[in-house]
Amino acid sequence: TGIFVIGRIKGIDRPALMPTLPTTNPNN
């Protein structure tokens, strides 16, 4: 939906999915 309806940013060949993961540093 993001790619076909909203559309890619010009200059970005393929969008990427970016999750956020915890680390051993509780503040990062």
mmCIF file of all heavy atoms, coordinates in Angstrom:
data_MODEL
# 
_entry.id   MODEL 
# 
loop_
_atom_site.group_PDB 
_atom_site.id 
_atom_site.type_symbol 
_atom_site.label_atom_id 
_atom_site.label_alt_id 
_atom_site.label_comp_id 
_atom_site.label_asym_id 
_atom_site.label_entity_id 
_atom_site.label_seq_id 
_atom_site.pdbx_PDB_ins_code 
_atom_site.Cartn_x 
_atom_site.Cartn_y 
_atom_site.Cartn_z 
_atom_site.occupancy 
_atom_site.B_iso_or_equiv 
_atom_site.pdbx_formal_charge 
_atom_site.auth_seq_id 
_atom_site.auth_comp_id 
_atom_site.auth_asym_id 
_atom_site.auth_atom_id 
_atom_site.pdbx_PDB_model_num 
ATOM 1   N N   . THR A 1 1  ? 0.826  -1.203 0.000   1.00 0.00 ? 1  THR A N   1 
ATOM 2   C CA  . THR A 1 1  ? 0.000  0.000  0.000   1.00 0.00 ? 1  THR A CA  1 
ATOM 3   C C   . THR A 1 1  ? 0.862  1.256  0.000   1.00 0.00 ? 1  THR A C   1 
ATOM 4   O O   . THR A 1 1  ? 0.607  2.212  -0.744  1.00 0.00 ? 1  THR A O   1 
ATOM 5   C CB  . THR A 1 1  ? -0.931 0.012  1.228   1.00 0.00 ? 1  THR A CB  1 
ATOM 6   O OG1 . THR A 1 1  ? -1.784 -1.135 1.181   1.00 0.00 ? 1  THR A OG1 1 
ATOM 7   C CG2 . THR A 1 1  ? -1.795 1.258  1.246   1.00 0.00 ? 1  THR A CG2 1 
ATOM 8   N N   . GLY A 1 2  ? 1.885  1.259  0.841   1.00 0.00 ? 2  GLY A N   1 
ATOM 9   C CA  . GLY A 1 2  ? 2.777  2.419  0.887   1.00 0.00 ? 2  GLY A CA  1 
ATOM 10  C C   . GLY A 1 2  ? 3.457  2.670  -0.443  1.00 0.00 ? 2  GLY A C   1 
ATOM 11  O O   . GLY A 1 2  ? 3.566  3.815  -0.898  1.00 0.00 ? 2  GLY A O   1 
ATOM 12  N N   . ILE A 1 3  ? 3.888  1.605  -1.098  1.00 0.00 ? 3  ILE A N   1 
ATOM 13  C CA  . ILE A 1 3  ? 4.620  1.747  -2.363  1.00 0.00 ? 3  ILE A CA  1 
ATOM 14  C C   . ILE A 1 3  ? 3.688  2.108  -3.513  1.00 0.00 ? 3  ILE A C   1 
ATOM 15  O O   . ILE A 1 3  ? 3.950  3.041  -4.277  1.00 0.00 ? 3  ILE A O   1 
ATOM 16  C CB  . ILE A 1 3  ? 5.377  0.437  -2.681  1.00 0.00 ? 3  ILE A CB  1 
ATOM 17  C CG1 . ILE A 1 3  ? 6.472  0.205  -1.626  1.00 0.00 ? 3  ILE A CG1 1 
ATOM 18  C CG2 . ILE A 1 3  ? 5.982  0.488  -4.080  1.00 0.00 ? 3  ILE A CG2 1 
ATOM 19  C CD1 . ILE A 1 3  ? 7.100  -1.167 -1.674  1.00 0.00 ? 3  ILE A CD1 1 
ATOM 20  N N   . PHE A 1 4  ? 2.561  1.371  -3.641  1.00 0.00 ? 4  PHE A N   1 
ATOM 21  C CA  . PHE A 1 4  ? 1.706  1.530  -4.813  1.00 0.00 ? 4  PHE A CA  1 
ATOM 22  C C   . PHE A 1 4  ? 0.700  2.679  -4.687  1.00 0.00 ? 4  PHE A C   1 
ATOM 23  O O   . PHE A 1 4  ? 0.294  3.258  -5.695  1.00 0.00 ? 4  PHE A O   1 
ATOM 24  C CB  . PHE A 1 4  ? 0.951  0.233  -5.097  1.00 0.00 ? 4  PHE A CB  1 
ATOM 25  C CG  . PHE A 1 4  ? 1.847  -0.918 -5.467  1.00 0.00 ? 4  PHE A CG  1 
ATOM 26  C CD1 . PHE A 1 4  ? 1.721  -2.141 -4.850  1.00 0.00 ? 4  PHE A CD1 1 
ATOM 27  C CD2 . PHE A 1 4  ? 2.840  -0.756 -6.418  1.00 0.00 ? 4  PHE A CD2 1 
ATOM 28  C CE1 . PHE A 1 4  ? 2.554  -3.202 -5.180  1.00 0.00 ? 4  PHE A CE1 1 
ATOM 29  C CE2 . PHE A 1 4  ? 3.688  -1.803 -6.758  1.00 0.00 ? 4  PHE A CE2 1 
ATOM 30  C CZ  . PHE A 1 4  ? 3.547  -3.031 -6.133  1.00 0.00 ? 4  PHE A CZ  1 
ATOM 31  N N   . VAL A 1 5  ? 0.291  3.005  -3.463  1.00 0.00 ? 5  VAL A N   1 
ATOM 32  C CA  . VAL A 1 5  ? -0.703 4.064  -3.286  1.00 0.00 ? 5  VAL A CA  1 
ATOM 33  C C   . VAL A 1 5  ? -0.019 5.397  -2.967  1.00 0.00 ? 5  VAL A C   1 
ATOM 34  O O   . VAL A 1 5  ? -0.232 6.396  -3.654  1.00 0.00 ? 5  VAL A O   1 
ATOM 35  C CB  . VAL A 1 5  ? -1.725 3.695  -2.188  1.00 0.00 ? 5  VAL A CB  1 
ATOM 36  C CG1 . VAL A 1 5  ? -2.734 4.839  -1.998  1.00 0.00 ? 5  VAL A CG1 1 
ATOM 37  C CG2 . VAL A 1 5  ? -2.458 2.405  -2.545  1.00 0.00 ? 5  VAL A CG2 1 
ATOM 38  N N   . ILE A 1 6  ? 0.795  5.425  -1.933  1.00 0.00 ? 6  ILE A N   1 
ATOM 39  C CA  . ILE A 1 6  ? 1.453  6.680  -1.544  1.00 0.00 ? 6  ILE A CA  1 
ATOM 40  C C   . ILE A 1 6  ? 2.623  6.996  -2.464  1.00 0.00 ? 6  ILE A C   1 
ATOM 41  O O   . ILE A 1 6  ? 2.836  8.138  -2.854  1.00 0.00 ? 6  ILE A O   1 
ATOM 42  C CB  . ILE A 1 6  ? 1.900  6.614  -0.071  1.00 0.00 ? 6  ILE A CB  1 
ATOM 43  C CG1 . ILE A 1 6  ? 0.662  6.487  0.834   1.00 0.00 ? 6  ILE A CG1 1 
ATOM 44  C CG2 . ILE A 1 6  ? 2.727  7.835  0.310   1.00 0.00 ? 6  ILE A CG2 1 
ATOM 45  C CD1 . ILE A 1 6  ? 0.979  6.293  2.287   1.00 0.00 ? 6  ILE A CD1 1 
ATOM 46  N N   . GLY A 1 7  ? 3.400  5.979  -2.821  1.00 0.00 ? 7  GLY A N   1 
ATOM 47  C CA  . GLY A 1 7  ? 4.475  6.160  -3.779  1.00 0.00 ? 7  GLY A CA  1 
ATOM 48  C C   . GLY A 1 7  ? 5.845  6.347  -3.159  1.00 0.00 ? 7  GLY A C   1 
ATOM 49  O O   . GLY A 1 7  ? 5.983  6.844  -2.039  1.00 0.00 ? 7  GLY A O   1 
ATOM 50  N N   . ARG A 1 8  ? 6.861  5.906  -3.902  1.00 0.00 ? 8  ARG A N   1 
ATOM 51  C CA  . ARG A 1 8  ? 8.249  6.019  -3.449  1.00 0.00 ? 8  ARG A CA  1 
ATOM 52  C C   . ARG A 1 8  ? 8.765  7.454  -3.541  1.00 0.00 ? 8  ARG A C   1 
ATOM 53  O O   . ARG A 1 8  ? 8.361  8.218  -4.407  1.00 0.00 ? 8  ARG A O   1 
ATOM 54  C CB  . ARG A 1 8  ? 9.156  5.128  -4.297  1.00 0.00 ? 8  ARG A CB  1 
ATOM 55  C CG  . ARG A 1 8  ? 8.979  3.646  -4.097  1.00 0.00 ? 8  ARG A CG  1 
ATOM 56  C CD  . ARG A 1 8  ? 9.963  2.851  -4.938  1.00 0.00 ? 8  ARG A CD  1 
ATOM 57  N NE  . ARG A 1 8  ? 9.702  2.981  -6.366  1.00 0.00 ? 8  ARG A NE  1 
ATOM 58  C CZ  . ARG A 1 8  ? 10.493 3.611  -7.209  1.00 0.00 ? 8  ARG A CZ  1 
ATOM 59  N NH1 . ARG A 1 8  ? 11.604 4.214  -6.788  1.00 0.00 ? 8  ARG A NH1 1 
ATOM 60  N NH2 . ARG A 1 8  ? 10.197 3.671  -8.494  1.00 0.00 ? 8  ARG A NH2 1 
ATOM 61  N N   . ILE A 1 9  ? 9.689  7.772  -2.643  1.00 0.00 ? 9  ILE A N   1 
ATOM 62  C CA  . ILE A 1 9  ? 10.427 9.029  -2.735  1.00 0.00 ? 9  ILE A CA  1 
ATOM 63  C C   . ILE A 1 9  ? 11.318 8.975  -3.970  1.00 0.00 ? 9  ILE A C   1 
ATOM 64  O O   . ILE A 1 9  ? 11.972 7.963  -4.233  1.00 0.00 ? 9  ILE A O   1 
ATOM 65  C CB  . ILE A 1 9  ? 11.292 9.243  -1.476  1.00 0.00 ? 9  ILE A CB  1 
ATOM 66  C CG1 . ILE A 1 9  ? 10.410 9.474  -0.249  1.00 0.00 ? 9  ILE A CG1 1 
ATOM 67  C CG2 . ILE A 1 9  ? 12.254 10.413 -1.658  1.00 0.00 ? 9  ILE A CG2 1 
ATOM 68  C CD1 . ILE A 1 9  ? 11.177 9.517  1.053   1.00 0.00 ? 9  ILE A CD1 1 
ATOM 69  N N   . LYS A 1 10 ? 11.354 10.042 -4.746  1.00 0.00 ? 10 LYS A N   1 
ATOM 70  C CA  . LYS A 1 10 ? 12.214 10.083 -5.913  1.00 0.00 ? 10 LYS A CA  1 
ATOM 71  C C   . LYS A 1 10 ? 13.667 9.963  -5.473  1.00 0.00 ? 10 LYS A C   1 
ATOM 72  O O   . LYS A 1 10 ? 14.136 10.706 -4.615  1.00 0.00 ? 10 LYS A O   1 
ATOM 73  C CB  . LYS A 1 10 ? 12.007 11.400 -6.668  1.00 0.00 ? 10 LYS A CB  1 
ATOM 74  C CG  . LYS A 1 10 ? 12.772 11.463 -7.982  1.00 0.00 ? 10 LYS A CG  1 
ATOM 75  C CD  . LYS A 1 10 ? 12.466 12.744 -8.741  1.00 0.00 ? 10 LYS A CD  1 
ATOM 76  C CE  . LYS A 1 10 ? 13.227 12.771 -10.066 1.00 0.00 ? 10 LYS A CE  1 
ATOM 77  N NZ  . LYS A 1 10 ? 12.952 14.015 -10.836 1.00 0.00 ? 10 LYS A NZ  1 
ATOM 78  N N   . GLY A 1 11 ? 14.370 8.992  -6.034  1.00 0.00 ? 11 GLY A N   1 
ATOM 79  C CA  . GLY A 1 11 ? 15.754 8.748  -5.648  1.00 0.00 ? 11 GLY A CA  1 
ATOM 80  C C   . GLY A 1 11 ? 15.914 7.547  -4.746  1.00 0.00 ? 11 GLY A C   1 
ATOM 81  O O   . GLY A 1 11 ? 17.034 7.097  -4.497  1.00 0.00 ? 11 GLY A O   1 
ATOM 82  N N   . ILE A 1 12 ? 14.799 7.001  -4.245  1.00 0.00 ? 12 ILE A N   1 
ATOM 83  C CA  . ILE A 1 12 ? 14.828 5.780  -3.455  1.00 0.00 ? 12 ILE A CA  1 
ATOM 84  C C   . ILE A 1 12 ? 14.349 4.639  -4.343  1.00 0.00 ? 12 ILE A C   1 
ATOM 85  O O   . ILE A 1 12 ? 13.202 4.628  -4.797  1.00 0.00 ? 12 ILE A O   1 
ATOM 86  C CB  . ILE A 1 12 ? 13.933 5.878  -2.200  1.00 0.00 ? 12 ILE A CB  1 
ATOM 87  C CG1 . ILE A 1 12 ? 14.469 6.949  -1.249  1.00 0.00 ? 12 ILE A CG1 1 
ATOM 88  C CG2 . ILE A 1 12 ? 13.841 4.526  -1.493  1.00 0.00 ? 12 ILE A CG2 1 
ATOM 89  C CD1 . ILE A 1 12 ? 15.820 6.640  -0.653  1.00 0.00 ? 12 ILE A CD1 1 
ATOM 90  N N   . ASP A 1 13 ? 15.228 3.697  -4.610  1.00 0.00 ? 13 ASP A N   1 
ATOM 91  C CA  . ASP A 1 13 ? 14.876 2.594  -5.503  1.00 0.00 ? 13 ASP A CA  1 
ATOM 92  C C   . ASP A 1 13 ? 13.914 1.611  -4.851  1.00 0.00 ? 13 ASP A C   1 
ATOM 93  O O   . ASP A 1 13 ? 12.977 1.136  -5.494  1.00 0.00 ? 13 ASP A O   1 
ATOM 94  C CB  . ASP A 1 13 ? 16.149 1.864  -5.943  1.00 0.00 ? 13 ASP A CB  1 
ATOM 95  C CG  . ASP A 1 13 ? 17.014 2.727  -6.835  1.00 0.00 ? 13 ASP A CG  1 
ATOM 96  O OD1 . ASP A 1 13 ? 16.638 2.952  -7.995  1.00 0.00 ? 13 ASP A OD1 1 
ATOM 97  O OD2 . ASP A 1 13 ? 18.067 3.199  -6.363  1.00 0.00 ? 13 ASP A OD2 1 
ATOM 98  N N   . ARG A 1 14 ? 14.142 1.306  -3.589  1.00 0.00 ? 14 ARG A N   1 
ATOM 99  C CA  . ARG A 1 14 ? 13.265 0.379  -2.871  1.00 0.00 ? 14 ARG A CA  1 
ATOM 100 C C   . ARG A 1 14 ? 13.101 0.849  -1.420  1.00 0.00 ? 14 ARG A C   1 
ATOM 101 O O   . ARG A 1 14 ? 14.103 1.022  -0.715  1.00 0.00 ? 14 ARG A O   1 
ATOM 102 C CB  . ARG A 1 14 ? 13.853 -1.037 -2.857  1.00 0.00 ? 14 ARG A CB  1 
ATOM 103 C CG  . ARG A 1 14 ? 14.023 -1.663 -4.239  1.00 0.00 ? 14 ARG A CG  1 
ATOM 104 C CD  . ARG A 1 14 ? 12.696 -2.088 -4.824  1.00 0.00 ? 14 ARG A CD  1 
ATOM 105 N NE  . ARG A 1 14 ? 12.865 -2.688 -6.144  1.00 0.00 ? 14 ARG A NE  1 
ATOM 106 C CZ  . ARG A 1 14 ? 13.155 -3.971 -6.363  1.00 0.00 ? 14 ARG A CZ  1 
ATOM 107 N NH1 . ARG A 1 14 ? 13.322 -4.787 -5.330  1.00 0.00 ? 14 ARG A NH1 1 
ATOM 108 N NH2 . ARG A 1 14 ? 13.289 -4.434 -7.576  1.00 0.00 ? 14 ARG A NH2 1 
ATOM 109 N N   . PRO A 1 15 ? 11.879 1.056  -0.957  1.00 0.00 ? 15 PRO A N   1 
ATOM 110 C CA  . PRO A 1 15 ? 11.674 1.383  0.464   1.00 0.00 ? 15 PRO A CA  1 
ATOM 111 C C   . PRO A 1 15 ? 12.101 0.214  1.353   1.00 0.00 ? 15 PRO A C   1 
ATOM 112 O O   . PRO A 1 15 ? 12.194 -0.935 0.898   1.00 0.00 ? 15 PRO A O   1 
ATOM 113 C CB  . PRO A 1 15 ? 10.162 1.622  0.543   1.00 0.00 ? 15 PRO A CB  1 
ATOM 114 C CG  . PRO A 1 15 ? 9.762  1.981  -0.846  1.00 0.00 ? 15 PRO A CG  1 
ATOM 115 C CD  . PRO A 1 15 ? 10.638 1.143  -1.730  1.00 0.00 ? 15 PRO A CD  1 
ATOM 116 N N   . ALA A 1 16 ? 12.341 0.503  2.614   1.00 0.00 ? 16 ALA A N   1 
ATOM 117 C CA  . ALA A 1 16 ? 12.785 -0.504 3.573   1.00 0.00 ? 16 ALA A CA  1 
ATOM 118 C C   . ALA A 1 16 ? 11.920 -0.463 4.825   1.00 0.00 ? 16 ALA A C   1 
ATOM 119 O O   . ALA A 1 16 ? 11.435 0.600  5.216   1.00 0.00 ? 16 ALA A O   1 
ATOM 120 C CB  . ALA A 1 16 ? 14.255 -0.273 3.946   1.00 0.00 ? 16 ALA A CB  1 
ATOM 121 N N   . LEU A 1 17 ? 11.749 -1.617 5.447   1.00 0.00 ? 17 LEU A N   1 
ATOM 122 C CA  . LEU A 1 17 ? 11.010 -1.703 6.705   1.00 0.00 ? 17 LEU A CA  1 
ATOM 123 C C   . LEU A 1 17 ? 12.002 -1.618 7.854   1.00 0.00 ? 17 LEU A C   1 
ATOM 124 O O   . LEU A 1 17 ? 12.972 -2.380 7.909   1.00 0.00 ? 17 LEU A O   1 
ATOM 125 C CB  . LEU A 1 17 ? 10.228 -3.015 6.775   1.00 0.00 ? 17 LEU A CB  1 
ATOM 126 C CG  . LEU A 1 17 ? 9.273  -3.169 7.959   1.00 0.00 ? 17 LEU A CG  1 
ATOM 127 C CD1 . LEU A 1 17 ? 8.128  -2.164 7.857   1.00 0.00 ? 17 LEU A CD1 1 
ATOM 128 C CD2 . LEU A 1 17 ? 8.724  -4.588 8.014   1.00 0.00 ? 17 LEU A CD2 1 
ATOM 129 N N   . MET A 1 18 ? 11.744 -0.696 8.797   1.00 0.00 ? 18 MET A N   1 
ATOM 130 C CA  . MET A 1 18 ? 12.691 -0.437 9.873   1.00 0.00 ? 18 MET A CA  1 
ATOM 131 C C   . MET A 1 18 ? 12.037 -0.557 11.245  1.00 0.00 ? 18 MET A C   1 
ATOM 132 O O   . MET A 1 18 ? 11.384 0.370  11.721  1.00 0.00 ? 18 MET A O   1 
ATOM 133 C CB  . MET A 1 18 ? 13.294 0.959  9.716   1.00 0.00 ? 18 MET A CB  1 
ATOM 134 C CG  . MET A 1 18 ? 14.423 1.255  10.711  1.00 0.00 ? 18 MET A CG  1 
ATOM 135 S SD  . MET A 1 18 ? 14.966 2.975  10.631  1.00 0.00 ? 18 MET A SD  1 
ATOM 136 C CE  . MET A 1 18 ? 13.548 3.805  11.368  1.00 0.00 ? 18 MET A CE  1 
ATOM 137 N N   . PRO A 1 19 ? 12.221 -1.696 11.925  1.00 0.00 ? 19 PRO A N   1 
ATOM 138 C CA  . PRO A 1 19 ? 11.768 -1.804 13.318  1.00 0.00 ? 19 PRO A CA  1 
ATOM 139 C C   . PRO A 1 19 ? 12.809 -1.245 14.273  1.00 0.00 ? 19 PRO A C   1 
ATOM 140 O O   . PRO A 1 19 ? 13.955 -0.975 13.883  1.00 0.00 ? 19 PRO A O   1 
ATOM 141 C CB  . PRO A 1 19 ? 11.630 -3.321 13.508  1.00 0.00 ? 19 PRO A CB  1 
ATOM 142 C CG  . PRO A 1 19 ? 12.661 -3.894 12.598  1.00 0.00 ? 19 PRO A CG  1 
ATOM 143 C CD  . PRO A 1 19 ? 12.753 -2.961 11.410  1.00 0.00 ? 19 PRO A CD  1 
ATOM 144 N N   . THR A 1 20 ? 12.411 -1.067 15.527  1.00 0.00 ? 20 THR A N   1 
ATOM 145 C CA  . THR A 1 20 ? 13.303 -0.608 16.585  1.00 0.00 ? 20 THR A CA  1 
ATOM 146 C C   . THR A 1 20 ? 13.468 -1.727 17.605  1.00 0.00 ? 20 THR A C   1 
ATOM 147 O O   . THR A 1 20 ? 12.480 -2.276 18.090  1.00 0.00 ? 20 THR A O   1 
ATOM 148 C CB  . THR A 1 20 ? 12.732 0.642  17.274  1.00 0.00 ? 20 THR A CB  1 
ATOM 149 O OG1 . THR A 1 20 ? 12.564 1.674  16.301  1.00 0.00 ? 20 THR A OG1 1 
ATOM 150 C CG2 . THR A 1 20 ? 13.658 1.140  18.366  1.00 0.00 ? 20 THR A CG2 1 
ATOM 151 N N   . LEU A 1 21 ? 14.718 -2.068 17.918  1.00 0.00 ? 21 LEU A N   1 
ATOM 152 C CA  . LEU A 1 21 ? 15.010 -3.178 18.831  1.00 0.00 ? 21 LEU A CA  1 
ATOM 153 C C   . LEU A 1 21 ? 15.714 -2.662 20.083  1.00 0.00 ? 21 LEU A C   1 
ATOM 154 O O   . LEU A 1 21 ? 16.451 -1.680 20.032  1.00 0.00 ? 21 LEU A O   1 
ATOM 155 C CB  . LEU A 1 21 ? 15.904 -4.214 18.132  1.00 0.00 ? 21 LEU A CB  1 
ATOM 156 C CG  . LEU A 1 21 ? 15.367 -4.808 16.825  1.00 0.00 ? 21 LEU A CG  1 
ATOM 157 C CD1 . LEU A 1 21 ? 16.411 -5.732 16.207  1.00 0.00 ? 21 LEU A CD1 1 
ATOM 158 C CD2 . LEU A 1 21 ? 14.070 -5.552 17.061  1.00 0.00 ? 21 LEU A CD2 1 
ATOM 159 N N   . PRO A 1 22 ? 15.509 -3.351 21.211  1.00 0.00 ? 22 PRO A N   1 
ATOM 160 C CA  . PRO A 1 22 ? 16.205 -2.956 22.451  1.00 0.00 ? 22 PRO A CA  1 
ATOM 161 C C   . PRO A 1 22 ? 17.670 -3.351 22.384  1.00 0.00 ? 22 PRO A C   1 
ATOM 162 O O   . PRO A 1 22 ? 18.075 -4.184 21.565  1.00 0.00 ? 22 PRO A O   1 
ATOM 163 C CB  . PRO A 1 22 ? 15.464 -3.772 23.524  1.00 0.00 ? 22 PRO A CB  1 
ATOM 164 C CG  . PRO A 1 22 ? 15.011 -4.996 22.792  1.00 0.00 ? 22 PRO A CG  1 
ATOM 165 C CD  . PRO A 1 22 ? 14.641 -4.531 21.411  1.00 0.00 ? 22 PRO A CD  1 
ATOM 166 N N   . THR A 1 23 ? 18.480 -2.730 23.236  1.00 0.00 ? 23 THR A N   1 
ATOM 167 C CA  . THR A 1 23 ? 19.891 -3.094 23.342  1.00 0.00 ? 23 THR A CA  1 
ATOM 168 C C   . THR A 1 23 ? 20.248 -3.312 24.810  1.00 0.00 ? 23 THR A C   1 
ATOM 169 O O   . THR A 1 23 ? 19.428 -3.105 25.703  1.00 0.00 ? 23 THR A O   1 
ATOM 170 C CB  . THR A 1 23 ? 20.811 -1.989 22.761  1.00 0.00 ? 23 THR A CB  1 
ATOM 171 O OG1 . THR A 1 23 ? 20.791 -0.851 23.646  1.00 0.00 ? 23 THR A OG1 1 
ATOM 172 C CG2 . THR A 1 23 ? 20.367 -1.570 21.380  1.00 0.00 ? 23 THR A CG2 1 
ATOM 173 N N   . THR A 1 24 ? 21.484 -3.700 25.039  1.00 0.00 ? 24 THR A N   1 
ATOM 174 C CA  . THR A 1 24 ? 21.949 -3.892 26.413  1.00 0.00 ? 24 THR A CA  1 
ATOM 175 C C   . THR A 1 24 ? 22.034 -2.579 27.169  1.00 0.00 ? 24 THR A C   1 
ATOM 176 O O   . THR A 1 24 ? 22.130 -2.581 28.400  1.00 0.00 ? 24 THR A O   1 
ATOM 177 C CB  . THR A 1 24 ? 23.328 -4.570 26.409  1.00 0.00 ? 24 THR A CB  1 
ATOM 178 O OG1 . THR A 1 24 ? 24.215 -3.828 25.549  1.00 0.00 ? 24 THR A OG1 1 
ATOM 179 C CG2 . THR A 1 24 ? 23.236 -6.005 25.904  1.00 0.00 ? 24 THR A CG2 1 
ATOM 180 N N   . ASN A 1 25 ? 22.027 -1.484 26.463  1.00 0.00 ? 25 ASN A N   1 
ATOM 181 C CA  . ASN A 1 25 ? 21.996 -0.153 27.081  1.00 0.00 ? 25 ASN A CA  1 
ATOM 182 C C   . ASN A 1 25 ? 20.532 0.230  27.289  1.00 0.00 ? 25 ASN A C   1 
ATOM 183 O O   . ASN A 1 25 ? 19.807 0.453  26.319  1.00 0.00 ? 25 ASN A O   1 
ATOM 184 C CB  . ASN A 1 25 ? 22.685 0.868  26.177  1.00 0.00 ? 25 ASN A CB  1 
ATOM 185 C CG  . ASN A 1 25 ? 22.655 2.271  26.745  1.00 0.00 ? 25 ASN A CG  1 
ATOM 186 O OD1 . ASN A 1 25 ? 22.044 2.542  27.782  1.00 0.00 ? 25 ASN A OD1 1 
ATOM 187 N ND2 . ASN A 1 25 ? 23.312 3.196  26.057  1.00 0.00 ? 25 ASN A ND2 1 
ATOM 188 N N   . PRO A 1 26 ? 20.057 0.314  28.527  1.00 0.00 ? 26 PRO A N   1 
ATOM 189 C CA  . PRO A 1 26 ? 18.642 0.609  28.767  1.00 0.00 ? 26 PRO A CA  1 
ATOM 190 C C   . PRO A 1 26 ? 18.201 1.972  28.262  1.00 0.00 ? 26 PRO A C   1 
ATOM 191 O O   . PRO A 1 26 ? 17.011 2.239  28.146  1.00 0.00 ? 26 PRO A O   1 
ATOM 192 C CB  . PRO A 1 26 ? 18.506 0.519  30.295  1.00 0.00 ? 26 PRO A CB  1 
ATOM 193 C CG  . PRO A 1 26 ? 19.887 0.757  30.813  1.00 0.00 ? 26 PRO A CG  1 
ATOM 194 C CD  . PRO A 1 26 ? 20.805 0.167  29.791  1.00 0.00 ? 26 PRO A CD  1 
ATOM 195 N N   . ASN A 1 27 ? 19.170 2.833  27.942  1.00 0.00 ? 27 ASN A N   1 
ATOM 196 C CA  . ASN A 1 27 ? 18.845 4.170  27.455  1.00 0.00 ? 27 ASN A CA  1 
ATOM 197 C C   . ASN A 1 27 ? 18.950 4.303  25.937  1.00 0.00 ? 27 ASN A C   1 
ATOM 198 O O   . ASN A 1 27 ? 18.848 5.401  25.403  1.00 0.00 ? 27 ASN A O   1 
ATOM 199 C CB  . ASN A 1 27 ? 19.775 5.199  28.117  1.00 0.00 ? 27 ASN A CB  1 
ATOM 200 C CG  . ASN A 1 27 ? 19.622 5.231  29.626  1.00 0.00 ? 27 ASN A CG  1 
ATOM 201 O OD1 . ASN A 1 27 ? 18.510 5.257  30.133  1.00 0.00 ? 27 ASN A OD1 1 
ATOM 202 N ND2 . ASN A 1 27 ? 20.744 5.206  30.333  1.00 0.00 ? 27 ASN A ND2 1 
ATOM 203 N N   . ASN A 1 28 ? 19.164 3.177  25.262  1.00 0.00 ? 28 ASN A N   1 
ATOM 204 C CA  . ASN A 1 28 ? 19.323 3.257  23.812  1.00 0.00 ? 28 ASN A CA  1 
ATOM 205 C C   . ASN A 1 28 ? 18.682 2.053  23.133  1.00 0.00 ? 28 ASN A C   1 
ATOM 206 O O   . ASN A 1 28 ? 18.445 1.012  23.758  1.00 0.00 ? 28 ASN A O   1 
ATOM 207 C CB  . ASN A 1 28 ? 20.805 3.338  23.428  1.00 0.00 ? 28 ASN A CB  1 
ATOM 208 C CG  . ASN A 1 28 ? 21.006 3.890  22.031  1.00 0.00 ? 28 ASN A CG  1 
ATOM 209 O OD1 . ASN A 1 28 ? 20.144 4.590  21.493  1.00 0.00 ? 28 ASN A OD1 1 
ATOM 210 N ND2 . ASN A 1 28 ? 22.132 3.587  21.423  1.00 0.00 ? 28 ASN A ND2 1 
# 
